Amino acid sequence: MFLLSVFVISFTGAMMPGPVTAVVIANAKKSPYAGFVVAVGHAIVEIPLILFLSVYAVNFMENTLVHMLISFAGAAMLVYLGINMILSANKKIKLKTQNQGAIIGGIITSINPYFILWWATTGLALILRATTFGKGVLIFFIITHLSVDFLWDGILGWLTHRSGVFNHPVAQRILYRILGSCLFLIAVYFIFSGIKLIN
């Protein structure tokens, strides 16, 4: 169930249009595999970051108050993402494409305020949760999270190269609303996890 929540949270984050999406679309005009290459650049940034946070997450585990606050911050971020995703369901997605090389673009666009805020709240809360199951689970956490990036960016790049993307507004609305609602449910789970630390 934990890894399933990681998959859903990661998927909703990957689907939200942003700098990484723009780089994928820009490079996919040249190659159907551009999404996978961008995901490699994204992974180059994320893997060291996850390992770094996991080392310091042990210190947070020792402080119940800090652990609780991170759980609540993660829940707040999920609620924000859920609302944003549901509101985005009715919007026509427009992106200004960015023409950096695929790997370089993946690295550069990963280092942005939204990315840092996500890992400082929701991402850190997930890492804290993963460490409660043992260090081995962290490996599965990394694999699950990165697999979503490769899956979505890969599909996005292939569809863009073949026939364009986001051409089915009805499917987009349904999917965004479902995923947005899932984020609310996981936010409730984060909140209860924080409350349990009070006892």
N, C-alpha and C. Protein backbone atom coordinates (compact mmCIF):
# COMPACT_ATOMS: atom_id res chain seq x y z
N MET A 1 0.83 -1.21 0.00
CA MET A 1 0.00 0.00 0.00
C MET A 1 0.87 1.26 0.00
N PHE A 2 1.98 1.20 0.72
CA PHE A 2 2.87 2.36 0.75
C PHE A 2 3.44 2.63 -0.63
N LEU A 3 3.93 1.60 -1.31
CA LEU A 3 4.51 1.77 -2.64
C LEU A 3 3.44 2.20 -3.65
N LEU A 4 2.20 1.77 -3.44
CA LEU A 4 1.11 2.21 -4.31
C LEU A 4 0.88 3.71 -4.13
N SER A 5 0.93 4.17 -2.88
CA SER A 5 0.76 5.61 -2.64
C SER A 5 1.92 6.40 -3.25
N VAL A 6 3.13 5.83 -3.21
CA VAL A 6 4.29 6.47 -3.83
C VAL A 6 4.06 6.59 -5.34
N PHE A 7 3.53 5.53 -5.93
CA PHE A 7 3.28 5.52 -7.38
C PHE A 7 2.27 6.60 -7.76
N VAL A 8 1.16 6.68 -7.00
CA VAL A 8 0.11 7.66 -7.32
C VAL A 8 0.62 9.08 -7.15
N ILE A 9 1.29 9.35 -6.03
CA ILE A 9 1.81 10.69 -5.77
C ILE A 9 2.83 11.09 -6.84
N SER A 10 3.73 10.17 -7.17
CA SER A 10 4.75 10.45 -8.18
C SER A 10 4.11 10.66 -9.55
N PHE A 11 3.08 9.88 -9.85
CA PHE A 11 2.42 9.98 -11.15
C PHE A 11 1.73 11.33 -11.33
N THR A 12 1.05 11.77 -10.27
CA THR A 12 0.37 13.06 -10.36
C THR A 12 1.38 14.20 -10.51
N GLY A 13 2.51 14.08 -9.80
CA GLY A 13 3.55 15.09 -9.92
C GLY A 13 4.16 15.12 -11.32
N ALA A 14 4.38 13.94 -11.90
CA ALA A 14 4.96 13.85 -13.24
C ALA A 14 4.01 14.39 -14.30
N MET A 15 2.71 14.20 -14.08
CA MET A 15 1.72 14.61 -15.08
C MET A 15 1.48 16.10 -15.12
N MET A 16 1.73 16.80 -14.02
CA MET A 16 1.48 18.23 -14.01
C MET A 16 2.42 18.93 -14.98
N PRO A 17 1.86 19.71 -15.92
CA PRO A 17 2.70 20.40 -16.90
C PRO A 17 3.70 21.33 -16.23
N GLY A 18 4.92 21.30 -16.69
CA GLY A 18 5.95 22.15 -16.10
C GLY A 18 7.20 22.13 -16.96
N PRO A 19 8.34 22.56 -16.41
CA PRO A 19 9.60 22.64 -17.17
C PRO A 19 10.04 21.31 -17.78
N VAL A 20 9.95 20.22 -16.99
CA VAL A 20 10.37 18.91 -17.49
C VAL A 20 9.50 18.49 -18.66
N THR A 21 8.19 18.69 -18.53
CA THR A 21 7.26 18.35 -19.61
C THR A 21 7.60 19.13 -20.87
N ALA A 22 7.93 20.41 -20.70
CA ALA A 22 8.26 21.26 -21.85
C ALA A 22 9.51 20.76 -22.56
N VAL A 23 10.51 20.32 -21.80
CA VAL A 23 11.75 19.80 -22.39
C VAL A 23 11.48 18.51 -23.15
N VAL A 24 10.63 17.65 -22.58
CA VAL A 24 10.28 16.39 -23.25
C VAL A 24 9.63 16.68 -24.60
N ILE A 25 8.64 17.58 -24.60
CA ILE A 25 7.91 17.90 -25.83
C ILE A 25 8.84 18.52 -26.87
N ALA A 26 9.73 19.41 -26.42
CA ALA A 26 10.65 20.07 -27.35
C ALA A 26 11.58 19.07 -28.02
N ASN A 27 12.11 18.12 -27.23
CA ASN A 27 13.05 17.15 -27.77
C ASN A 27 12.38 16.00 -28.50
N ALA A 28 11.10 15.75 -28.17
CA ALA A 28 10.37 14.64 -28.80
C ALA A 28 10.09 14.90 -30.27
N LYS A 29 10.19 16.16 -30.69
CA LYS A 29 10.00 16.47 -32.11
C LYS A 29 11.10 15.82 -32.95
N LYS A 30 12.25 15.57 -32.32
CA LYS A 30 13.38 14.96 -33.02
C LYS A 30 13.43 13.45 -32.82
N SER A 31 13.07 13.00 -31.62
CA SER A 31 13.20 11.58 -31.33
C SER A 31 12.05 11.09 -30.46
N PRO A 32 11.49 9.89 -30.76
CA PRO A 32 10.41 9.34 -29.93
C PRO A 32 10.90 8.87 -28.55
N TYR A 33 12.21 8.78 -28.40
CA TYR A 33 12.79 8.31 -27.14
C TYR A 33 13.28 9.45 -26.25
N ALA A 34 12.96 10.67 -26.63
CA ALA A 34 13.43 11.84 -25.88
C ALA A 34 12.96 11.83 -24.44
N GLY A 35 11.73 11.35 -24.20
CA GLY A 35 11.19 11.31 -22.84
C GLY A 35 12.03 10.46 -21.91
N PHE A 36 12.51 9.33 -22.42
CA PHE A 36 13.35 8.44 -21.61
C PHE A 36 14.68 9.10 -21.29
N VAL A 37 15.23 9.84 -22.26
CA VAL A 37 16.52 10.51 -22.05
C VAL A 37 16.37 11.64 -21.03
N VAL A 38 15.28 12.39 -21.12
CA VAL A 38 15.01 13.45 -20.14
C VAL A 38 14.85 12.85 -18.75
N ALA A 39 14.19 11.69 -18.68
CA ALA A 39 14.01 11.02 -17.39
C ALA A 39 15.34 10.61 -16.78
N VAL A 40 16.32 10.27 -17.63
CA VAL A 40 17.66 9.95 -17.14
C VAL A 40 18.27 11.18 -16.47
N GLY A 41 18.14 12.34 -17.13
CA GLY A 41 18.65 13.58 -16.55
C GLY A 41 17.97 13.90 -15.23
N HIS A 42 16.67 13.65 -15.18
CA HIS A 42 15.89 13.87 -13.96
C HIS A 42 16.39 12.94 -12.85
N ALA A 43 16.67 11.68 -13.20
CA ALA A 43 17.13 10.69 -12.22
C ALA A 43 18.51 11.04 -11.68
N ILE A 44 19.36 11.64 -12.52
CA ILE A 44 20.70 12.05 -12.09
C ILE A 44 20.61 13.03 -10.92
N VAL A 45 19.57 13.84 -10.92
CA VAL A 45 19.37 14.80 -9.83
C VAL A 45 18.68 14.12 -8.65
N GLU A 46 17.68 13.31 -8.92
CA GLU A 46 16.84 12.78 -7.85
C GLU A 46 17.50 11.69 -7.00
N ILE A 47 18.23 10.79 -7.61
CA ILE A 47 18.81 9.68 -6.84
C ILE A 47 19.74 10.18 -5.73
N PRO A 48 20.70 11.06 -6.02
CA PRO A 48 21.54 11.58 -4.92
C PRO A 48 20.73 12.35 -3.89
N LEU A 49 19.71 13.08 -4.34
CA LEU A 49 18.87 13.85 -3.42
C LEU A 49 18.12 12.93 -2.47
N ILE A 50 17.54 11.85 -3.01
CA ILE A 50 16.80 10.90 -2.16
C ILE A 50 17.74 10.25 -1.15
N LEU A 51 18.93 9.85 -1.59
CA LEU A 51 19.90 9.22 -0.69
C LEU A 51 20.34 10.20 0.39
N PHE A 52 20.56 11.46 0.01
CA PHE A 52 20.95 12.50 0.97
C PHE A 52 19.86 12.70 2.02
N LEU A 53 18.62 12.83 1.56
CA LEU A 53 17.51 13.05 2.49
C LEU A 53 17.28 11.83 3.38
N SER A 54 17.50 10.63 2.83
CA SER A 54 17.27 9.41 3.63
C SER A 54 18.26 9.32 4.79
N VAL A 55 19.50 9.81 4.57
CA VAL A 55 20.51 9.81 5.64
C VAL A 55 20.09 10.75 6.77
N TYR A 56 19.60 11.94 6.38
CA TYR A 56 19.19 12.93 7.37
C TYR A 56 17.78 12.67 7.90
N ALA A 57 17.04 11.81 7.22
CA ALA A 57 15.69 11.47 7.69
C ALA A 57 15.76 10.73 9.02
N VAL A 58 16.86 10.02 9.25
CA VAL A 58 17.02 9.31 10.52
C VAL A 58 17.00 10.29 11.68
N ASN A 59 17.62 11.44 11.51
CA ASN A 59 17.61 12.47 12.56
C ASN A 59 16.20 13.00 12.81
N PHE A 60 15.42 13.15 11.73
CA PHE A 60 14.04 13.61 11.88
C PHE A 60 13.20 12.59 12.63
N MET A 61 13.50 11.29 12.40
CA MET A 61 12.75 10.22 13.05
C MET A 61 12.89 10.30 14.56
N GLU A 62 14.04 10.79 15.02
CA GLU A 62 14.30 10.86 16.45
C GLU A 62 13.55 12.00 17.12
N ASN A 63 13.10 12.97 16.33
CA ASN A 63 12.36 14.10 16.86
C ASN A 63 10.90 13.98 16.43
N THR A 64 10.04 13.59 17.37
CA THR A 64 8.64 13.35 17.05
C THR A 64 7.94 14.59 16.51
N LEU A 65 8.25 15.76 17.09
CA LEU A 65 7.61 17.00 16.67
C LEU A 65 7.94 17.32 15.21
N VAL A 66 9.23 17.19 14.85
CA VAL A 66 9.67 17.49 13.49
C VAL A 66 9.04 16.50 12.51
N HIS A 67 9.03 15.21 12.91
CA HIS A 67 8.41 14.18 12.07
C HIS A 67 6.93 14.48 11.84
N MET A 68 6.26 14.91 12.88
CA MET A 68 4.83 15.23 12.79
C MET A 68 4.61 16.44 11.87
N LEU A 69 5.44 17.47 12.02
CA LEU A 69 5.31 18.67 11.19
C LEU A 69 5.55 18.36 9.71
N ILE A 70 6.51 17.47 9.44
CA ILE A 70 6.80 17.08 8.06
C ILE A 70 5.61 16.32 7.46
N SER A 71 4.98 15.48 8.29
CA SER A 71 3.79 14.75 7.82
C SER A 71 2.67 15.71 7.46
N PHE A 72 2.46 16.72 8.30
CA PHE A 72 1.41 17.72 8.04
C PHE A 72 1.76 18.58 6.82
N ALA A 73 3.05 18.95 6.70
CA ALA A 73 3.49 19.74 5.54
C ALA A 73 3.31 18.95 4.25
N GLY A 74 3.62 17.66 4.32
CA GLY A 74 3.43 16.79 3.15
C GLY A 74 1.96 16.70 2.77
N ALA A 75 1.10 16.60 3.79
CA ALA A 75 -0.35 16.54 3.54
C ALA A 75 -0.84 17.84 2.90
N ALA A 76 -0.33 18.98 3.40
CA ALA A 76 -0.74 20.28 2.85
C ALA A 76 -0.32 20.40 1.39
N MET A 77 0.89 19.92 1.09
CA MET A 77 1.37 19.95 -0.29
C MET A 77 0.51 19.08 -1.20
N LEU A 78 0.09 17.92 -0.70
CA LEU A 78 -0.76 17.02 -1.47
C LEU A 78 -2.13 17.63 -1.74
N VAL A 79 -2.68 18.31 -0.73
CA VAL A 79 -3.97 18.98 -0.90
C VAL A 79 -3.84 20.06 -1.98
N TYR A 80 -2.74 20.82 -1.91
CA TYR A 80 -2.50 21.86 -2.92
C TYR A 80 -2.39 21.25 -4.32
N LEU A 81 -1.64 20.16 -4.43
CA LEU A 81 -1.47 19.49 -5.73
C LEU A 81 -2.79 18.93 -6.23
N GLY A 82 -3.58 18.36 -5.28
CA GLY A 82 -4.88 17.79 -5.66
C GLY A 82 -5.81 18.86 -6.21
N ILE A 83 -5.88 20.00 -5.52
CA ILE A 83 -6.73 21.11 -5.99
C ILE A 83 -6.24 21.62 -7.35
N ASN A 84 -4.91 21.78 -7.46
CA ASN A 84 -4.32 22.26 -8.70
C ASN A 84 -4.60 21.31 -9.86
N MET A 85 -4.53 20.01 -9.58
CA MET A 85 -4.76 19.02 -10.63
C MET A 85 -6.22 19.02 -11.07
N ILE A 86 -7.14 19.11 -10.13
CA ILE A 86 -8.57 19.13 -10.47
C ILE A 86 -8.91 20.39 -11.26
N LEU A 87 -8.35 21.53 -10.84
CA LEU A 87 -8.60 22.78 -11.57
C LEU A 87 -7.98 22.73 -12.97
N SER A 88 -6.87 22.01 -13.11
CA SER A 88 -6.20 21.91 -14.41
C SER A 88 -6.96 21.02 -15.37
N ALA A 89 -7.92 20.24 -14.85
CA ALA A 89 -8.65 19.30 -15.69
C ALA A 89 -9.43 20.02 -16.80
N ASN A 90 -9.87 21.25 -16.53
CA ASN A 90 -10.67 21.99 -17.51
C ASN A 90 -9.86 22.98 -18.33
N LYS A 91 -8.56 23.00 -18.08
CA LYS A 91 -7.72 23.96 -18.80
C LYS A 91 -7.04 23.31 -20.00
N LYS A 92 -6.92 24.06 -21.06
CA LYS A 92 -6.15 23.60 -22.20
C LYS A 92 -4.69 23.85 -21.90
N ILE A 93 -3.91 22.79 -21.94
CA ILE A 93 -2.52 22.89 -21.54
C ILE A 93 -1.68 23.55 -22.64
N LYS A 94 -1.00 24.63 -22.28
CA LYS A 94 -0.11 25.31 -23.22
C LYS A 94 1.27 25.38 -22.59
N LEU A 95 2.24 24.96 -23.33
CA LEU A 95 3.60 24.96 -22.82
C LEU A 95 4.54 25.69 -23.76
N LYS A 96 5.42 26.49 -23.19
CA LYS A 96 6.47 27.10 -23.98
C LYS A 96 7.63 26.12 -24.00
N THR A 97 7.89 25.55 -25.17
CA THR A 97 8.90 24.50 -25.25
C THR A 97 10.29 25.05 -24.97
N GLN A 98 11.12 24.19 -24.39
CA GLN A 98 12.49 24.56 -24.06
C GLN A 98 13.42 23.63 -24.84
N ASN A 99 14.40 24.20 -25.50
CA ASN A 99 15.20 23.45 -26.45
C ASN A 99 16.55 22.98 -25.91
N GLN A 100 16.69 22.82 -24.61
CA GLN A 100 17.94 22.27 -24.10
C GLN A 100 18.06 20.81 -24.57
N GLY A 101 19.29 20.30 -24.56
CA GLY A 101 19.48 18.89 -24.85
C GLY A 101 18.70 18.06 -23.85
N ALA A 102 18.31 16.86 -24.23
CA ALA A 102 17.42 16.04 -23.41
C ALA A 102 17.95 15.79 -22.00
N ILE A 103 19.18 15.27 -21.89
CA ILE A 103 19.73 14.97 -20.55
C ILE A 103 19.98 16.26 -19.78
N ILE A 104 20.63 17.24 -20.41
CA ILE A 104 20.90 18.53 -19.75
C ILE A 104 19.59 19.20 -19.35
N GLY A 105 18.60 19.14 -20.26
CA GLY A 105 17.30 19.73 -19.96
C GLY A 105 16.66 19.07 -18.76
N GLY A 106 16.78 17.74 -18.68
CA GLY A 106 16.22 17.01 -17.53
C GLY A 106 16.87 17.41 -16.23
N ILE A 107 18.18 17.66 -16.28
CA ILE A 107 18.91 18.06 -15.07
C ILE A 107 18.55 19.48 -14.66
N ILE A 108 18.62 20.41 -15.62
CA ILE A 108 18.39 21.82 -15.32
C ILE A 108 16.97 22.08 -14.84
N THR A 109 15.98 21.49 -15.55
CA THR A 109 14.59 21.76 -15.20
C THR A 109 14.15 21.06 -13.92
N SER A 110 14.95 20.09 -13.47
CA SER A 110 14.63 19.43 -12.20
C SER A 110 14.95 20.32 -11.02
N ILE A 111 15.88 21.24 -11.21
CA ILE A 111 16.28 22.12 -10.12
C ILE A 111 15.48 23.42 -10.22
N ASN A 112 14.27 23.38 -9.70
CA ASN A 112 13.41 24.56 -9.70
C ASN A 112 12.69 24.65 -8.36
N PRO A 113 12.15 25.79 -8.00
CA PRO A 113 11.52 25.96 -6.67
C PRO A 113 10.44 24.92 -6.36
N TYR A 114 9.62 24.59 -7.36
CA TYR A 114 8.55 23.62 -7.13
C TYR A 114 9.14 22.25 -6.78
N PHE A 115 10.18 21.85 -7.51
CA PHE A 115 10.85 20.57 -7.28
C PHE A 115 11.42 20.50 -5.86
N ILE A 116 12.11 21.56 -5.46
CA ILE A 116 12.71 21.62 -4.13
C ILE A 116 11.64 21.60 -3.04
N LEU A 117 10.55 22.36 -3.25
CA LEU A 117 9.46 22.41 -2.27
C LEU A 117 8.80 21.04 -2.13
N TRP A 118 8.62 20.35 -3.25
CA TRP A 118 7.98 19.02 -3.22
C TRP A 118 8.81 18.04 -2.39
N TRP A 119 10.13 18.05 -2.62
CA TRP A 119 10.98 17.11 -1.88
C TRP A 119 11.17 17.53 -0.42
N ALA A 120 11.03 18.81 -0.14
CA ALA A 120 11.17 19.29 1.24
C ALA A 120 9.93 18.97 2.08
N THR A 121 8.82 18.68 1.42
CA THR A 121 7.56 18.40 2.14
C THR A 121 7.08 16.97 1.86
N THR A 122 6.40 16.78 0.75
CA THR A 122 5.83 15.47 0.43
C THR A 122 6.91 14.41 0.25
N GLY A 123 7.96 14.75 -0.50
CA GLY A 123 9.03 13.78 -0.74
C GLY A 123 9.70 13.33 0.55
N LEU A 124 9.99 14.28 1.42
CA LEU A 124 10.63 13.96 2.70
C LEU A 124 9.70 13.13 3.58
N ALA A 125 8.41 13.45 3.56
CA ALA A 125 7.43 12.67 4.34
C ALA A 125 7.39 11.23 3.85
N LEU A 126 7.48 11.02 2.55
CA LEU A 126 7.49 9.66 1.98
C LEU A 126 8.77 8.92 2.37
N ILE A 127 9.89 9.63 2.35
CA ILE A 127 11.15 9.00 2.74
C ILE A 127 11.12 8.59 4.21
N LEU A 128 10.57 9.47 5.06
CA LEU A 128 10.43 9.14 6.48
C LEU A 128 9.59 7.89 6.66
N ARG A 129 8.50 7.82 5.89
CA ARG A 129 7.63 6.65 5.98
C ARG A 129 8.35 5.40 5.51
N ALA A 130 9.14 5.54 4.45
CA ALA A 130 9.87 4.40 3.90
C ALA A 130 10.87 3.84 4.91
N THR A 131 11.53 4.76 5.64
CA THR A 131 12.55 4.32 6.61
C THR A 131 11.94 3.54 7.78
N THR A 132 10.65 3.73 8.03
CA THR A 132 10.01 2.98 9.12
C THR A 132 9.85 1.50 8.77
N PHE A 133 9.91 1.19 7.47
CA PHE A 133 9.80 -0.21 7.04
C PHE A 133 11.16 -0.89 6.92
N GLY A 134 12.23 -0.12 7.09
CA GLY A 134 13.57 -0.67 6.94
C GLY A 134 14.28 -0.07 5.75
N LYS A 135 15.61 -0.15 5.76
CA LYS A 135 16.41 0.47 4.71
C LYS A 135 16.16 -0.15 3.34
N GLY A 136 15.84 -1.43 3.32
CA GLY A 136 15.60 -2.12 2.04
C GLY A 136 14.45 -1.53 1.27
N VAL A 137 13.45 -1.02 1.98
CA VAL A 137 12.27 -0.46 1.32
C VAL A 137 12.63 0.82 0.57
N LEU A 138 13.67 1.51 1.00
CA LEU A 138 14.09 2.74 0.33
C LEU A 138 14.47 2.46 -1.12
N ILE A 139 15.07 1.28 -1.37
CA ILE A 139 15.44 0.91 -2.74
C ILE A 139 14.19 0.78 -3.59
N PHE A 140 13.16 0.12 -3.04
CA PHE A 140 11.90 -0.03 -3.77
C PHE A 140 11.21 1.32 -3.96
N PHE A 141 11.38 2.20 -2.97
CA PHE A 141 10.83 3.55 -3.08
C PHE A 141 11.45 4.29 -4.27
N ILE A 142 12.78 4.22 -4.37
CA ILE A 142 13.49 4.88 -5.47
C ILE A 142 13.07 4.30 -6.82
N ILE A 143 13.01 2.96 -6.89
CA ILE A 143 12.62 2.29 -8.14
C ILE A 143 11.21 2.69 -8.54
N THR A 144 10.29 2.69 -7.56
CA THR A 144 8.89 3.04 -7.85
C THR A 144 8.77 4.47 -8.34
N HIS A 145 9.43 5.38 -7.63
CA HIS A 145 9.34 6.80 -8.00
C HIS A 145 9.93 7.07 -9.38
N LEU A 146 11.13 6.53 -9.63
CA LEU A 146 11.78 6.77 -10.92
C LEU A 146 11.05 6.08 -12.07
N SER A 147 10.45 4.91 -11.79
CA SER A 147 9.73 4.19 -12.85
C SER A 147 8.58 5.04 -13.39
N VAL A 148 7.97 5.84 -12.50
CA VAL A 148 6.88 6.72 -12.92
C VAL A 148 7.40 7.78 -13.89
N ASP A 149 8.56 8.37 -13.56
CA ASP A 149 9.15 9.39 -14.45
C ASP A 149 9.45 8.80 -15.82
N PHE A 150 10.06 7.62 -15.83
CA PHE A 150 10.40 6.98 -17.11
C PHE A 150 9.14 6.59 -17.87
N LEU A 151 8.12 6.11 -17.15
CA LEU A 151 6.88 5.70 -17.80
C LEU A 151 6.17 6.89 -18.42
N TRP A 152 5.93 7.95 -17.61
CA TRP A 152 5.17 9.09 -18.11
C TRP A 152 5.96 9.89 -19.16
N ASP A 153 7.23 10.21 -18.85
CA ASP A 153 8.02 10.98 -19.82
C ASP A 153 8.22 10.20 -21.11
N GLY A 154 8.37 8.87 -20.98
CA GLY A 154 8.52 8.03 -22.16
C GLY A 154 7.28 8.04 -23.03
N ILE A 155 6.11 7.87 -22.40
CA ILE A 155 4.84 7.89 -23.13
C ILE A 155 4.59 9.27 -23.74
N LEU A 156 4.87 10.31 -22.95
CA LEU A 156 4.67 11.68 -23.41
C LEU A 156 5.53 11.97 -24.64
N GLY A 157 6.80 11.56 -24.57
CA GLY A 157 7.71 11.78 -25.69
C GLY A 157 7.28 11.02 -26.93
N TRP A 158 6.85 9.78 -26.75
CA TRP A 158 6.45 8.95 -27.89
C TRP A 158 5.19 9.49 -28.56
N LEU A 159 4.20 9.88 -27.72
CA LEU A 159 2.96 10.42 -28.28
C LEU A 159 3.18 11.75 -28.98
N THR A 160 4.06 12.58 -28.39
CA THR A 160 4.35 13.86 -29.00
C THR A 160 5.01 13.68 -30.37
N HIS A 161 5.94 12.75 -30.43
CA HIS A 161 6.65 12.49 -31.69
C HIS A 161 5.71 11.91 -32.75
N ARG A 162 4.79 11.05 -32.30
CA ARG A 162 3.91 10.35 -33.25
C ARG A 162 2.75 11.22 -33.73
N SER A 163 2.02 11.80 -32.78
CA SER A 163 0.78 12.46 -33.21
C SER A 163 0.37 13.64 -32.34
N GLY A 164 1.28 14.19 -31.56
CA GLY A 164 0.87 15.26 -30.66
C GLY A 164 0.41 14.67 -29.34
N VAL A 165 0.13 15.52 -28.37
CA VAL A 165 -0.24 15.05 -27.04
C VAL A 165 -1.31 15.96 -26.46
N PHE A 166 -2.03 15.47 -25.47
CA PHE A 166 -3.10 16.21 -24.81
C PHE A 166 -4.21 16.57 -25.82
N ASN A 167 -4.47 15.64 -26.77
CA ASN A 167 -5.50 15.90 -27.78
C ASN A 167 -6.87 15.34 -27.39
N HIS A 168 -6.98 14.78 -26.20
CA HIS A 168 -8.23 14.19 -25.76
C HIS A 168 -8.66 14.84 -24.45
N PRO A 169 -9.32 16.02 -24.53
CA PRO A 169 -9.66 16.78 -23.32
C PRO A 169 -10.58 16.03 -22.36
N VAL A 170 -11.50 15.20 -22.86
CA VAL A 170 -12.41 14.47 -21.99
C VAL A 170 -11.63 13.48 -21.13
N ALA A 171 -10.73 12.71 -21.77
CA ALA A 171 -9.90 11.76 -21.03
C ALA A 171 -9.01 12.47 -20.03
N GLN A 172 -8.49 13.64 -20.44
CA GLN A 172 -7.64 14.42 -19.55
C GLN A 172 -8.41 14.87 -18.31
N ARG A 173 -9.65 15.36 -18.50
CA ARG A 173 -10.45 15.82 -17.36
C ARG A 173 -10.73 14.68 -16.38
N ILE A 174 -11.12 13.54 -16.92
CA ILE A 174 -11.44 12.39 -16.06
C ILE A 174 -10.22 11.95 -15.27
N LEU A 175 -9.08 11.80 -15.98
CA LEU A 175 -7.86 11.33 -15.33
C LEU A 175 -7.37 12.31 -14.27
N TYR A 176 -7.37 13.61 -14.58
CA TYR A 176 -6.91 14.61 -13.63
C TYR A 176 -7.78 14.64 -12.37
N ARG A 177 -9.10 14.51 -12.56
CA ARG A 177 -10.00 14.54 -11.41
C ARG A 177 -9.83 13.31 -10.52
N ILE A 178 -9.64 12.16 -11.15
CA ILE A 178 -9.43 10.93 -10.38
C ILE A 178 -8.14 11.02 -9.58
N LEU A 179 -7.06 11.43 -10.25
CA LEU A 179 -5.76 11.52 -9.57
C LEU A 179 -5.77 12.61 -8.50
N GLY A 180 -6.45 13.73 -8.78
CA GLY A 180 -6.55 14.79 -7.79
C GLY A 180 -7.26 14.32 -6.53
N SER A 181 -8.33 13.54 -6.72
CA SER A 181 -9.07 12.98 -5.59
C SER A 181 -8.22 12.00 -4.80
N CYS A 182 -7.40 11.20 -5.51
CA CYS A 182 -6.50 10.26 -4.83
C CYS A 182 -5.51 10.99 -3.94
N LEU A 183 -5.06 12.16 -4.39
CA LEU A 183 -4.12 12.93 -3.58
C LEU A 183 -4.77 13.39 -2.27
N PHE A 184 -6.06 13.73 -2.31
CA PHE A 184 -6.76 14.11 -1.09
C PHE A 184 -6.78 12.95 -0.10
N LEU A 185 -7.04 11.74 -0.61
CA LEU A 185 -7.11 10.57 0.26
C LEU A 185 -5.75 10.28 0.90
N ILE A 186 -4.69 10.41 0.10
CA ILE A 186 -3.35 10.17 0.63
C ILE A 186 -2.97 11.27 1.62
N ALA A 187 -3.45 12.49 1.39
CA ALA A 187 -3.20 13.59 2.34
C ALA A 187 -3.81 13.27 3.70
N VAL A 188 -5.03 12.69 3.69
CA VAL A 188 -5.68 12.28 4.94
C VAL A 188 -4.82 11.24 5.66
N TYR A 189 -4.25 10.31 4.88
CA TYR A 189 -3.36 9.29 5.44
C TYR A 189 -2.14 9.93 6.09
N PHE A 190 -1.58 10.95 5.45
CA PHE A 190 -0.43 11.67 6.01
C PHE A 190 -0.81 12.35 7.32
N ILE A 191 -2.00 12.95 7.34
CA ILE A 191 -2.46 13.67 8.53
C ILE A 191 -2.62 12.72 9.70
N PHE A 192 -3.25 11.56 9.44
CA PHE A 192 -3.43 10.56 10.50
C PHE A 192 -2.09 10.02 11.00
N SER A 193 -1.13 9.88 10.06
CA SER A 193 0.20 9.43 10.45
C SER A 193 0.85 10.44 11.40
N GLY A 194 0.64 11.73 11.13
CA GLY A 194 1.16 12.77 12.00
C GLY A 194 0.49 12.80 13.35
N ILE A 195 -0.84 12.61 13.35
CA ILE A 195 -1.60 12.62 14.60
C ILE A 195 -1.20 11.45 15.50
N LYS A 196 -0.93 10.30 14.89
CA LYS A 196 -0.55 9.12 15.66
C LYS A 196 0.74 9.35 16.44
N LEU A 197 1.58 10.24 15.93
CA LEU A 197 2.85 10.53 16.62
C LEU A 197 2.63 11.30 17.92
N ILE A 198 1.46 11.94 18.04
CA ILE A 198 1.17 12.69 19.26
C ILE A 198 0.98 11.75 20.44
N ASN A 199 0.39 10.58 20.16
CA ASN A 199 0.09 9.62 21.23
C ASN A 199 1.35 8.94 21.73
